[in-house]
Amino acid sequence: MAKKQTFGDKVLQQKAESKKLAKIVVAEKKPNGQYSYRHKMVHVDNLQAELAAAKNQ
């Protein structure tokens, strides 16, 4: 049997922080009629502000 791997406080903190991200996909219409998409990773605390900014563009 393998030993259970233990993690330090830094690794556990990084894992917790990475779970607090949201991915935003913004669609933009090009002049030729096609759509392009931009992907952005945003912290959950800033999510509403980023969504409002994306709507205004």
Protein backbone atom coordinates (compact mmCIF):
# COMPACT_ATOMS: atom_id res chain seq x y z
CA MET A 1 0.00 0.00 0.00
CA ALA A 2 1.17 3.49 -0.77
CA LYS A 3 1.45 6.14 1.87
CA LYS A 4 -1.01 8.97 1.79
CA GLN A 5 0.63 12.09 0.43
CA THR A 6 0.65 15.06 2.78
CA PHE A 7 0.66 18.64 1.64
CA GLY A 8 2.03 21.75 3.23
CA ASP A 9 -0.07 24.77 4.11
CA LYS A 10 1.11 26.66 1.02
CA VAL A 11 -0.07 23.96 -1.37
CA LEU A 12 -3.45 23.67 0.30
CA GLN A 13 -3.89 27.44 0.23
CA GLN A 14 -3.04 27.55 -3.50
CA LYS A 15 -5.56 24.81 -4.22
CA ALA A 16 -8.27 26.70 -2.34
CA GLU A 17 -7.49 29.93 -4.21
CA SER A 18 -7.59 28.22 -7.60
CA LYS A 19 -11.11 26.99 -6.88
CA LYS A 20 -12.28 30.58 -6.42
CA LEU A 21 -11.90 31.48 -10.09
CA ALA A 22 -14.58 31.82 -12.74
CA LYS A 23 -14.14 31.62 -16.48
CA ILE A 24 -15.81 34.33 -18.56
CA VAL A 25 -16.38 33.89 -22.28
CA VAL A 26 -17.17 37.13 -24.13
CA ALA A 27 -18.54 37.00 -27.68
CA GLU A 28 -17.84 39.90 -30.05
CA LYS A 29 -19.29 40.30 -33.54
CA LYS A 30 -16.74 41.14 -36.22
CA PRO A 31 -17.52 43.54 -39.11
CA ASN A 32 -17.69 40.58 -41.51
CA GLY A 33 -20.54 39.02 -39.48
CA GLN A 34 -18.55 36.29 -37.73
CA TYR A 35 -18.16 36.02 -33.98
CA SER A 36 -14.94 35.90 -32.00
CA TYR A 37 -14.66 34.72 -28.42
CA ARG A 38 -12.39 35.87 -25.62
CA HIS A 39 -11.77 33.75 -22.53
CA LYS A 40 -10.81 35.27 -19.20
CA MET A 41 -10.25 33.81 -15.74
CA VAL A 42 -11.55 36.10 -12.99
CA HIS A 43 -11.57 35.83 -9.21
CA VAL A 44 -15.08 35.22 -7.86
CA ASP A 45 -14.98 38.43 -5.80
CA ASN A 46 -14.53 40.51 -8.98
CA LEU A 47 -16.98 38.55 -11.12
CA GLN A 48 -19.93 40.97 -11.07
CA ALA A 49 -17.75 43.95 -11.96
CA GLU A 50 -16.16 42.06 -14.88
CA LEU A 51 -19.55 40.96 -16.20
CA ALA A 52 -20.86 44.53 -16.06
CA ALA A 53 -17.75 45.78 -17.88
CA ALA A 54 -18.14 43.09 -20.57
CA LYS A 55 -21.78 44.07 -21.18
CA ASN A 56 -20.84 47.72 -21.67
CA GLN A 57 -18.23 46.99 -24.34
